[in-house]
Structure formats: C-alpha cells, structure tokens
C-alpha cells in the first residue's frame, strides 16, 4: 500500500514520517452527517421521520409490511439523481457511473444470502431502488497530511467543517432509497442518509475511497435491517 501512496505525497521524507507516526493500518471509516440532503427522488418526504440511533437520517417503515413473506428481490440499477442544486458535477459522469455500478454490486452481494435475486415482479418479491444524490471525492494528499500532522488541520478551514458538516479534505456521499412490493408497488421502507469520511489514515489511495466505504456500509446495513425486520436473531450490525 505504501508504494501506491508514495506518488501522492510531497517527498520520501514525508512518507517516512507517515510510517513512523502510525503507518497505513486499519480499515477506512465513515461517519453519519447531521443534515440529510433532499433532492426530490423520494417525492414525499412528509412520511419520513428523523432516524433514531443506528438508523438513517430520515426513515419510513410500513408497519403493515410482512417481511417474512419476501424471499426474492429485484435490485434496480443504482441511478444518479441530480436536481438544479445538485452537488454532483457533470465532469464526474464517468466516475459516477462506476460508483453506481459498484454500489449495485455491493447491494446484490449483501442480499444474496437471504434473497433470490430476480428480474421480474411477482409474489414474494420486493424491489430495492437506490439513487446516489451526492458523491464528493476527497483530496488524497491533503487527507493524509491533515490526518497525520496536527498543524496541518488548520488548513481545513472553517468552511469545510461548517458549511458541509464534514472534516476537510475527506469524501462525502448521500443516498435516497426505497423498498416496494414488486407486484403491487406498495411502499415498504424508505430512507435518506448521508455519510462522510473521517480524519483517519484511510481514504488515501483513491479520491473515491470514502464514498466506496459509505456504499459498503449501506449495503451491509440494509442486510442487517431486513434481517431484523424478519425477526431473526443472528443479525450482524455493521460497525461505523
């Protein structure tokens, strides 16, 4: 991993300092942000409530849903949802498509142990629909500098922390998602969530690693949430 990062750092001397101060151990982490981003994808936000601890920022759950009756799932292609105020930039189009494909793959793999993945509606089939509404790349070089050297934290500035609600130089991601009955279209669950990278020694080899980490977390969280809704006892909650 050091070889992959070396070309992003200012000098061999700086790389040596990084290694001495803690190396590159540990997995990339993300944290939930405080303000949800509403883009209009879910249309009616009045049915959503603020999420409790461990939930998405905004949540809807159909109390009449019989989750045990679903043993198959349609996972729609993850879409890129942009409105006039969208933070998604046109020049990121190719990267965003790769991120959408990456997210879809994680969702499918998360659901496969418990659901048969199908392509056509029918009885006992739920439909999972997800939209990427924000994806902000981190600055790999500045991310590691501000994480390792305390004086460099001054470079993050108040704007990066206050205006966007996340540490400077890290990536951010936001999604809106819903689960419906594939046959009737009845809304079963919906949510809005937003996450950002942390000031850790992670997310340094790729500008999009913080975003990818958020997608991995959400996919595992979906599997956990559905496991709980089915009333199972062996549900494993993903760690922050």
C-alpha atoms as a PDB file:
ATOM      1  CA  UNK A   1       0.000   0.000   0.000  1.00  0.00           C
ATOM      2  CA  UNK A   2       2.921   2.369   0.669  1.00  0.00           C
ATOM      3  CA  UNK A   3       4.004   2.078  -2.944  1.00  0.00           C
ATOM      4  CA  UNK A   4       0.531   3.066  -4.134  1.00  0.00           C
ATOM      5  CA  UNK A   5       0.531   6.140  -1.914  1.00  0.00           C
ATOM      6  CA  UNK A   6       4.089   7.270  -2.468  1.00  0.00           C
ATOM      7  CA  UNK A   7       3.468   9.219  -5.668  1.00  0.00           C
ATOM      8  CA  UNK A   8       0.766  11.273  -3.911  1.00  0.00           C
ATOM      9  CA  UNK A   9       2.977  12.539  -1.111  1.00  0.00           C
ATOM     10  CA  UNK A  10       5.191  15.568  -1.107  1.00  0.00           C
ATOM     11  CA  UNK A  11       8.508  13.762  -0.587  1.00  0.00           C
ATOM     12  CA  UNK A  12      10.160  10.498   0.514  1.00  0.00           C
ATOM     13  CA  UNK A  13      10.912  12.258   3.809  1.00  0.00           C
ATOM     14  CA  UNK A  14       7.218  12.929   4.370  1.00  0.00           C
ATOM     15  CA  UNK A  15       6.383   9.321   3.576  1.00  0.00           C
ATOM     16  CA  UNK A  16       8.904   8.183   6.181  1.00  0.00           C
ATOM     17  CA  UNK A  17       7.271  10.447   8.766  1.00  0.00           C
ATOM     18  CA  UNK A  18       3.878   8.967   7.994  1.00  0.00           C
ATOM     19  CA  UNK A  19       5.163   5.424   8.513  1.00  0.00           C
ATOM     20  CA  UNK A  20       6.848   6.350  11.794  1.00  0.00           C
ATOM     21  CA  UNK A  21       3.701   8.080  13.052  1.00  0.00           C
ATOM     22  CA  UNK A  22       1.444   5.108  12.598  1.00  0.00           C
ATOM     23  CA  UNK A  23       1.657   3.522   9.173  1.00  0.00           C
ATOM     24  CA  UNK A  24      -1.305   2.659   6.987  1.00  0.00           C
ATOM     25  CA  UNK A  25      -3.022   0.053   9.170  1.00  0.00           C
ATOM     26  CA  UNK A  26      -6.766  -0.129   9.735  1.00  0.00           C
ATOM     27  CA  UNK A  27      -9.846  -0.006   7.570  1.00  0.00           C
ATOM     28  CA  UNK A  28     -11.327   3.130   6.072  1.00  0.00           C
ATOM     29  CA  UNK A  29     -14.168   4.562   8.185  1.00  0.00           C
ATOM     30  CA  UNK A  30     -17.101   6.851   7.523  1.00  0.00           C
ATOM     31  CA  UNK A  31     -19.392   8.746   9.832  1.00  0.00           C
ATOM     32  CA  UNK A  32     -23.012   9.821   9.564  1.00  0.00           C
ATOM     33  CA  UNK A  33     -23.520  13.503   8.824  1.00  0.00           C
ATOM     34  CA  UNK A  34     -26.119  15.627  10.609  1.00  0.00           C
ATOM     35  CA  UNK A  35     -28.107  17.169   7.770  1.00  0.00           C
ATOM     36  CA  UNK A  36     -29.973  14.990   5.214  1.00  0.00           C
ATOM     37  CA  UNK A  37     -29.857  16.002   1.567  1.00  0.00           C
ATOM     38  CA  UNK A  38     -33.315  16.041  -0.057  1.00  0.00           C
ATOM     39  CA  UNK A  39     -33.285  16.101  -3.864  1.00  0.00           C
ATOM     40  CA  UNK A  40     -36.845  15.094  -4.755  1.00  0.00           C
ATOM     41  CA  UNK A  41     -36.109  11.475  -5.613  1.00  0.00           C
ATOM     42  CA  UNK A  42     -38.467  10.171  -2.922  1.00  0.00           C
ATOM     43  CA  UNK A  43     -41.036  12.892  -3.765  1.00  0.00           C
ATOM     44  CA  UNK A  44     -42.987  12.803  -0.479  1.00  0.00           C
ATOM     45  CA  UNK A  45     -40.748  13.488   2.494  1.00  0.00           C
ATOM     46  CA  UNK A  46     -43.645  14.156   4.849  1.00  0.00           C
ATOM     47  CA  UNK A  47     -43.968  10.435   5.589  1.00  0.00           C
ATOM     48  CA  UNK A  48     -40.377  10.190   6.789  1.00  0.00           C
ATOM     49  CA  UNK A  49     -39.414  10.642  10.430  1.00  0.00           C
ATOM     50  CA  UNK A  50     -35.999  11.522  11.873  1.00  0.00           C
ATOM     51  CA  UNK A  51     -33.973   8.374  12.336  1.00  0.00           C
ATOM     52  CA  UNK A  52     -33.089   7.081  15.787  1.00  0.00           C
ATOM     53  CA  UNK A  53     -29.632   5.898  16.792  1.00  0.00           C
ATOM     54  CA  UNK A  54     -28.372   3.349  14.286  1.00  0.00           C
ATOM     55  CA  UNK A  55     -30.898   4.367  11.609  1.00  0.00           C
ATOM     56  CA  UNK A  56     -30.690   6.548   8.510  1.00  0.00           C
ATOM     57  CA  UNK A  57     -31.171  10.297   8.956  1.00  0.00           C
ATOM     58  CA  UNK A  58     -34.739  10.066   7.654  1.00  0.00           C
ATOM     59  CA  UNK A  59     -36.765   6.872   7.784  1.00  0.00           C
ATOM     60  CA  UNK A  60     -40.137   5.428   6.770  1.00  0.00           C
ATOM     61  CA  UNK A  61     -41.298   1.926   7.669  1.00  0.00           C
ATOM     62  CA  UNK A  62     -44.637   0.430   6.675  1.00  0.00           C
ATOM     63  CA  UNK A  63     -45.924  -1.084   9.906  1.00  0.00           C
ATOM     64  CA  UNK A  64     -48.189  -3.461   7.976  1.00  0.00           C
ATOM     65  CA  UNK A  65     -45.401  -4.959   5.887  1.00  0.00           C
ATOM     66  CA  UNK A  66     -44.977  -8.727   6.246  1.00  0.00           C
ATOM     67  CA  UNK A  67     -41.245  -9.010   5.731  1.00  0.00           C
ATOM     68  CA  UNK A  68     -41.210 -12.773   6.206  1.00  0.00           C
ATOM     69  CA  UNK A  69     -43.309 -13.152   3.063  1.00  0.00           C
ATOM     70  CA  UNK A  70     -40.477 -11.876   0.847  1.00  0.00           C
ATOM     71  CA  UNK A  71     -37.831 -14.331  -0.290  1.00  0.00           C
ATOM     72  CA  UNK A  72     -36.828 -12.719  -3.604  1.00  0.00           C
ATOM     73  CA  UNK A  73     -35.626  -9.277  -4.611  1.00  0.00           C
ATOM     74  CA  UNK A  74     -35.261  -7.086  -7.662  1.00  0.00           C
ATOM     75  CA  UNK A  75     -32.331  -4.696  -7.262  1.00  0.00           C
ATOM     76  CA  UNK A  76     -32.763  -1.861  -9.727  1.00  0.00           C
ATOM     77  CA  UNK A  77     -29.692  -0.307 -11.286  1.00  0.00           C
ATOM     78  CA  UNK A  78     -28.425   2.412  -8.979  1.00  0.00           C
ATOM     79  CA  UNK A  79     -29.213   5.788 -10.521  1.00  0.00           C
ATOM     80  CA  UNK A  80     -27.538   9.185 -10.355  1.00  0.00           C
ATOM     81  CA  UNK A  81     -30.132  11.721  -9.266  1.00  0.00           C
ATOM     82  CA  UNK A  82     -29.441  15.368  -9.992  1.00  0.00           C
ATOM     83  CA  UNK A  83     -31.591  18.432  -9.447  1.00  0.00           C
ATOM     84  CA  UNK A  84     -30.731  22.052 -10.211  1.00  0.00           C
ATOM     85  CA  UNK A  85     -28.855  22.396  -6.918  1.00  0.00           C
ATOM     86  CA  UNK A  86     -27.150  19.011  -7.116  1.00  0.00           C
ATOM     87  CA  UNK A  87     -23.564  18.755  -5.827  1.00  0.00           C
ATOM     88  CA  UNK A  88     -22.890  16.110  -8.490  1.00  0.00           C
ATOM     89  CA  UNK A  89     -20.685  17.562 -11.194  1.00  0.00           C
ATOM     90  CA  UNK A  90     -21.094  16.807 -14.900  1.00  0.00           C
ATOM     91  CA  UNK A  91     -17.367  16.201 -15.310  1.00  0.00           C
ATOM     92  CA  UNK A  92     -17.624  13.340 -12.810  1.00  0.00           C
ATOM     93  CA  UNK A  93     -20.010  11.430 -15.096  1.00  0.00           C
ATOM     94  CA  UNK A  94     -17.697   8.504 -15.838  1.00  0.00           C
ATOM     95  CA  UNK A  95     -16.614   8.152 -12.217  1.00  0.00           C
ATOM     96  CA  UNK A  96     -20.205   8.376 -11.002  1.00  0.00           C
ATOM     97  CA  UNK A  97     -21.291   5.595 -13.324  1.00  0.00           C
ATOM     98  CA  UNK A  98     -18.545   3.370 -11.956  1.00  0.00           C
ATOM     99  CA  UNK A  99     -19.624   4.255  -8.423  1.00  0.00           C
ATOM    100  CA  UNK A 100     -23.250   3.414  -9.275  1.00  0.00           C
ATOM    101  CA  UNK A 101     -22.191   0.023 -10.640  1.00  0.00           C
ATOM    102  CA  UNK A 102     -20.007  -0.548  -7.576  1.00  0.00           C
ATOM    103  CA  UNK A 103     -22.880   0.282  -5.215  1.00  0.00           C
ATOM    104  CA  UNK A 104     -25.300  -2.001  -7.098  1.00  0.00           C
ATOM    105  CA  UNK A 105     -22.814  -4.865  -6.857  1.00  0.00           C
ATOM    106  CA  UNK A 106     -22.476  -4.379  -3.093  1.00  0.00           C
ATOM    107  CA  UNK A 107     -26.256  -4.300  -2.647  1.00  0.00           C
ATOM    108  CA  UNK A 108     -26.751  -7.514  -4.623  1.00  0.00           C
ATOM    109  CA  UNK A 109     -23.995  -9.340  -2.747  1.00  0.00           C
ATOM    110  CA  UNK A 110     -25.424  -8.179   0.580  1.00  0.00           C
ATOM    111  CA  UNK A 111     -28.890  -9.520  -0.243  1.00  0.00           C
ATOM    112  CA  UNK A 112     -27.937 -12.774  -1.994  1.00  0.00           C
ATOM    113  CA  UNK A 113     -27.506 -14.872   1.177  1.00  0.00           C
ATOM    114  CA  UNK A 114     -31.163 -14.287   2.112  1.00  0.00           C
ATOM    115  CA  UNK A 115     -32.957 -13.497  -1.144  1.00  0.00           C
ATOM    116  CA  UNK A 116     -33.012 -14.888  -4.642  1.00  0.00           C
ATOM    117  CA  UNK A 117     -32.174 -12.023  -6.995  1.00  0.00           C
ATOM    118  CA  UNK A 118     -34.691 -11.890  -9.856  1.00  0.00           C
ATOM    119  CA  UNK A 119     -35.545  -9.522 -12.699  1.00  0.00           C
ATOM    120  CA  UNK A 120     -39.347  -9.725 -12.979  1.00  0.00           C
ATOM    121  CA  UNK A 121     -42.084  -8.798 -10.460  1.00  0.00           C
ATOM    122  CA  UNK A 122     -44.179 -11.480  -8.791  1.00  0.00           C
ATOM    123  CA  UNK A 123     -45.470 -12.722  -5.433  1.00  0.00           C
ATOM    124  CA  UNK A 124     -42.997 -12.602  -2.560  1.00  0.00           C
ATOM    125  CA  UNK A 125     -40.671 -10.222  -4.421  1.00  0.00           C
ATOM    126  CA  UNK A 126     -39.520  -6.857  -3.118  1.00  0.00           C
ATOM    127  CA  UNK A 127     -37.926  -4.144  -5.257  1.00  0.00           C
ATOM    128  CA  UNK A 128     -34.917  -2.205  -3.985  1.00  0.00           C
ATOM    129  CA  UNK A 129     -34.421   1.200  -5.623  1.00  0.00           C
ATOM    130  CA  UNK A 130     -31.471   3.418  -4.739  1.00  0.00           C
ATOM    131  CA  UNK A 131     -30.323   6.805  -6.010  1.00  0.00           C
ATOM    132  CA  UNK A 132     -26.959   8.466  -5.494  1.00  0.00           C
ATOM    133  CA  UNK A 133     -27.671  12.113  -4.694  1.00  0.00           C
ATOM    134  CA  UNK A 134     -24.209  13.205  -3.598  1.00  0.00           C
ATOM    135  CA  UNK A 135     -20.707  11.903  -4.208  1.00  0.00           C
ATOM    136  CA  UNK A 136     -17.796  14.120  -3.345  1.00  0.00           C
ATOM    137  CA  UNK A 137     -14.236  12.998  -3.902  1.00  0.00           C
ATOM    138  CA  UNK A 138     -11.641  13.523  -1.215  1.00  0.00           C
ATOM    139  CA  UNK A 139      -8.217  15.038  -1.723  1.00  0.00           C
ATOM    140  CA  UNK A 140      -5.934  12.027  -1.021  1.00  0.00           C
ATOM    141  CA  UNK A 141      -2.789  14.051  -0.427  1.00  0.00           C
ATOM    142  CA  UNK A 142      -4.352  16.638   1.860  1.00  0.00           C
ATOM    143  CA  UNK A 143      -6.430  13.993   3.614  1.00  0.00           C
ATOM    144  CA  UNK A 144      -3.319  12.195   4.832  1.00  0.00           C
ATOM    145  CA  UNK A 145      -1.434  15.394   5.627  1.00  0.00           C
ATOM    146  CA  UNK A 146      -4.238  16.792   7.775  1.00  0.00           C
ATOM    147  CA  UNK A 147      -4.713  13.411   9.462  1.00  0.00           C
ATOM    148  CA  UNK A 148      -1.071  12.846  10.402  1.00  0.00           C
ATOM    149  CA  UNK A 149       0.261  16.297  11.147  1.00  0.00           C
ATOM    150  CA  UNK A 150      -1.848  18.275  13.669  1.00  0.00           C
ATOM    151  CA  UNK A 151      -0.663  21.735  12.490  1.00  0.00           C
ATOM    152  CA  UNK A 152      -1.986  20.941   9.013  1.00  0.00           C
ATOM    153  CA  UNK A 153      -5.508  20.700  10.440  1.00  0.00           C
ATOM    154  CA  UNK A 154      -5.522  24.488  10.319  1.00  0.00           C
ATOM    155  CA  UNK A 155      -5.570  24.174   6.530  1.00  0.00           C
ATOM    156  CA  UNK A 156      -9.020  22.581   6.575  1.00  0.00           C
ATOM    157  CA  UNK A 157     -10.579  25.916   7.372  1.00  0.00           C
ATOM    158  CA  UNK A 158     -13.985  26.701   8.860  1.00  0.00           C
ATOM    159  CA  UNK A 159     -15.777  26.465   5.510  1.00  0.00           C
ATOM    160  CA  UNK A 160     -15.050  22.783   5.056  1.00  0.00           C
ATOM    161  CA  UNK A 161     -16.288  21.936   8.534  1.00  0.00           C
ATOM    162  CA  UNK A 162     -19.274  24.228   8.991  1.00  0.00           C
ATOM    163  CA  UNK A 163     -20.733  24.605   5.516  1.00  0.00           C
ATOM    164  CA  UNK A 164     -20.579  20.947   4.586  1.00  0.00           C
ATOM    165  CA  UNK A 165     -20.652  19.371   8.045  1.00  0.00           C
ATOM    166  CA  UNK A 166     -17.639  17.111   7.466  1.00  0.00           C
ATOM    167  CA  UNK A 167     -13.893  17.212   8.108  1.00  0.00           C
ATOM    168  CA  UNK A 168     -11.866  18.963   5.434  1.00  0.00           C
ATOM    169  CA  UNK A 169     -10.392  17.008   2.508  1.00  0.00           C
ATOM    170  CA  UNK A 170     -12.498  13.851   3.005  1.00  0.00           C
ATOM    171  CA  UNK A 171     -15.174  12.452   0.702  1.00  0.00           C
ATOM    172  CA  UNK A 172     -18.934  12.526   1.236  1.00  0.00           C
ATOM    173  CA  UNK A 173     -21.886  10.526  -0.045  1.00  0.00           C
ATOM    174  CA  UNK A 174     -25.654  10.792   0.165  1.00  0.00           C
ATOM    175  CA  UNK A 175     -28.373   8.370  -0.933  1.00  0.00           C
ATOM    176  CA  UNK A 176     -32.135   8.122  -1.089  1.00  0.00           C
ATOM    177  CA  UNK A 177     -33.624   4.647  -1.203  1.00  0.00           C
ATOM    178  CA  UNK A 178     -36.918   2.823  -1.101  1.00  0.00           C
ATOM    179  CA  UNK A 179     -38.171  -0.752  -0.970  1.00  0.00           C
ATOM    180  CA  UNK A 180     -41.503  -1.565  -2.535  1.00  0.00           C
ATOM    181  CA  UNK A 181     -43.598  -4.649  -3.170  1.00  0.00           C
ATOM    182  CA  UNK A 182     -42.537  -5.547  -6.708  1.00  0.00           C
ATOM    183  CA  UNK A 183     -46.032  -6.742  -7.629  1.00  0.00           C
ATOM    184  CA  UNK A 184     -48.285  -4.092  -6.051  1.00  0.00           C
ATOM    185  CA  UNK A 185     -45.904  -1.130  -5.786  1.00  0.00           C
ATOM    186  CA  UNK A 186     -46.765  -0.660  -2.098  1.00  0.00           C
ATOM    187  CA  UNK A 187     -44.067   1.268  -0.256  1.00  0.00           C
ATOM    188  CA  UNK A 188     -42.480  -0.891   2.429  1.00  0.00           C
ATOM    189  CA  UNK A 189     -39.495   1.157   3.550  1.00  0.00           C
ATOM    190  CA  UNK A 190     -37.696   4.363   2.586  1.00  0.00           C
ATOM    191  CA  UNK A 191     -34.788   6.397   3.824  1.00  0.00           C
ATOM    192  CA  UNK A 192     -32.350   9.230   3.297  1.00  0.00           C
ATOM    193  CA  UNK A 193     -28.817   9.057   4.643  1.00  0.00           C
ATOM    194  CA  UNK A 194     -25.549  10.908   4.307  1.00  0.00           C
ATOM    195  CA  UNK A 195     -22.025   9.936   5.317  1.00  0.00           C
ATOM    196  CA  UNK A 196     -18.534  11.400   5.136  1.00  0.00           C
ATOM    197  CA  UNK A 197     -15.006  10.169   5.641  1.00  0.00           C
ATOM    198  CA  UNK A 198     -13.268  10.554   8.971  1.00  0.00           C
ATOM    199  CA  UNK A 199      -9.901  12.033   9.815  1.00  0.00           C
ATOM    200  CA  UNK A 200      -8.192   8.664   9.846  1.00  0.00           C
ATOM    201  CA  UNK A 201      -5.312   7.184   7.867  1.00  0.00           C
ATOM    202  CA  UNK A 202      -7.777   5.864   5.338  1.00  0.00           C
ATOM    203  CA  UNK A 203      -9.120   7.021   2.030  1.00  0.00           C
ATOM    204  CA  UNK A 204      -5.627   7.990   0.918  1.00  0.00           C
ATOM    205  CA  UNK A 205      -5.079   5.789  -2.128  1.00  0.00           C
ATOM    206  CA  UNK A 206      -8.215   6.788  -4.023  1.00  0.00           C
ATOM    207  CA  UNK A 207     -10.195  10.001  -4.294  1.00  0.00           C
ATOM    208  CA  UNK A 208     -13.412   7.974  -4.064  1.00  0.00           C
ATOM    209  CA  UNK A 209     -12.469   5.566  -1.264  1.00  0.00           C
ATOM    210  CA  UNK A 210     -14.573   7.388   1.342  1.00  0.00           C
ATOM    211  CA  UNK A 211     -17.601   7.176  -0.952  1.00  0.00           C
ATOM    212  CA  UNK A 212     -16.989   3.478  -1.635  1.00  0.00           C
ATOM    213  CA  UNK A 213     -16.721   2.846   2.104  1.00  0.00           C
ATOM    214  CA  UNK A 214     -20.107   4.531   2.585  1.00  0.00           C
ATOM    215  CA  UNK A 215     -21.659   2.281  -0.072  1.00  0.00           C
ATOM    216  CA  UNK A 216     -20.233  -0.829   1.581  1.00  0.00           C
ATOM    217  CA  UNK A 217     -21.640   0.293   4.919  1.00  0.00           C
ATOM    218  CA  UNK A 218     -25.119   0.991   3.498  1.00  0.00           C
ATOM    219  CA  UNK A 219     -25.266  -2.378   1.748  1.00  0.00           C
ATOM    220  CA  UNK A 220     -24.394  -4.207   4.974  1.00  0.00           C
ATOM    221  CA  UNK A 221     -26.807  -2.009   6.905  1.00  0.00           C
ATOM    222  CA  UNK A 222     -29.635  -2.933   4.528  1.00  0.00           C
ATOM    223  CA  UNK A 223     -28.952  -6.637   5.057  1.00  0.00           C
ATOM    224  CA  UNK A 224     -28.937  -6.083   8.823  1.00  0.00           C
ATOM    225  CA  UNK A 225     -32.148  -4.022   8.787  1.00  0.00           C
ATOM    226  CA  UNK A 226     -34.034  -6.598   6.731  1.00  0.00           C
ATOM    227  CA  UNK A 227     -32.736  -9.365   8.978  1.00  0.00           C
ATOM    228  CA  UNK A 228     -34.173  -7.542  11.985  1.00  0.00           C
ATOM    229  CA  UNK A 229     -37.479  -6.905  10.239  1.00  0.00           C
ATOM    230  CA  UNK A 230     -37.785 -10.651   9.591  1.00  0.00           C
ATOM    231  CA  UNK A 231     -37.393 -11.218  13.313  1.00  0.00           C
ATOM    232  CA  UNK A 232     -34.182 -13.222  13.064  1.00  0.00           C
ATOM    233  CA  UNK A 233     -31.765 -13.384  15.974  1.00  0.00           C
ATOM    234  CA  UNK A 234     -28.421 -13.801  14.184  1.00  0.00           C
ATOM    235  CA  UNK A 235     -28.349 -10.332  12.575  1.00  0.00           C
ATOM    236  CA  UNK A 236     -24.908  -8.745  12.400  1.00  0.00           C
ATOM    237  CA  UNK A 237     -24.890  -4.960  12.541  1.00  0.00           C
ATOM    238  CA  UNK A 238     -22.057  -3.297  10.573  1.00  0.00           C
ATOM    239  CA  UNK A 239     -19.654  -1.196  12.582  1.00  0.00           C
ATOM    240  CA  UNK A 240     -19.299   2.526  11.991  1.00  0.00           C
END
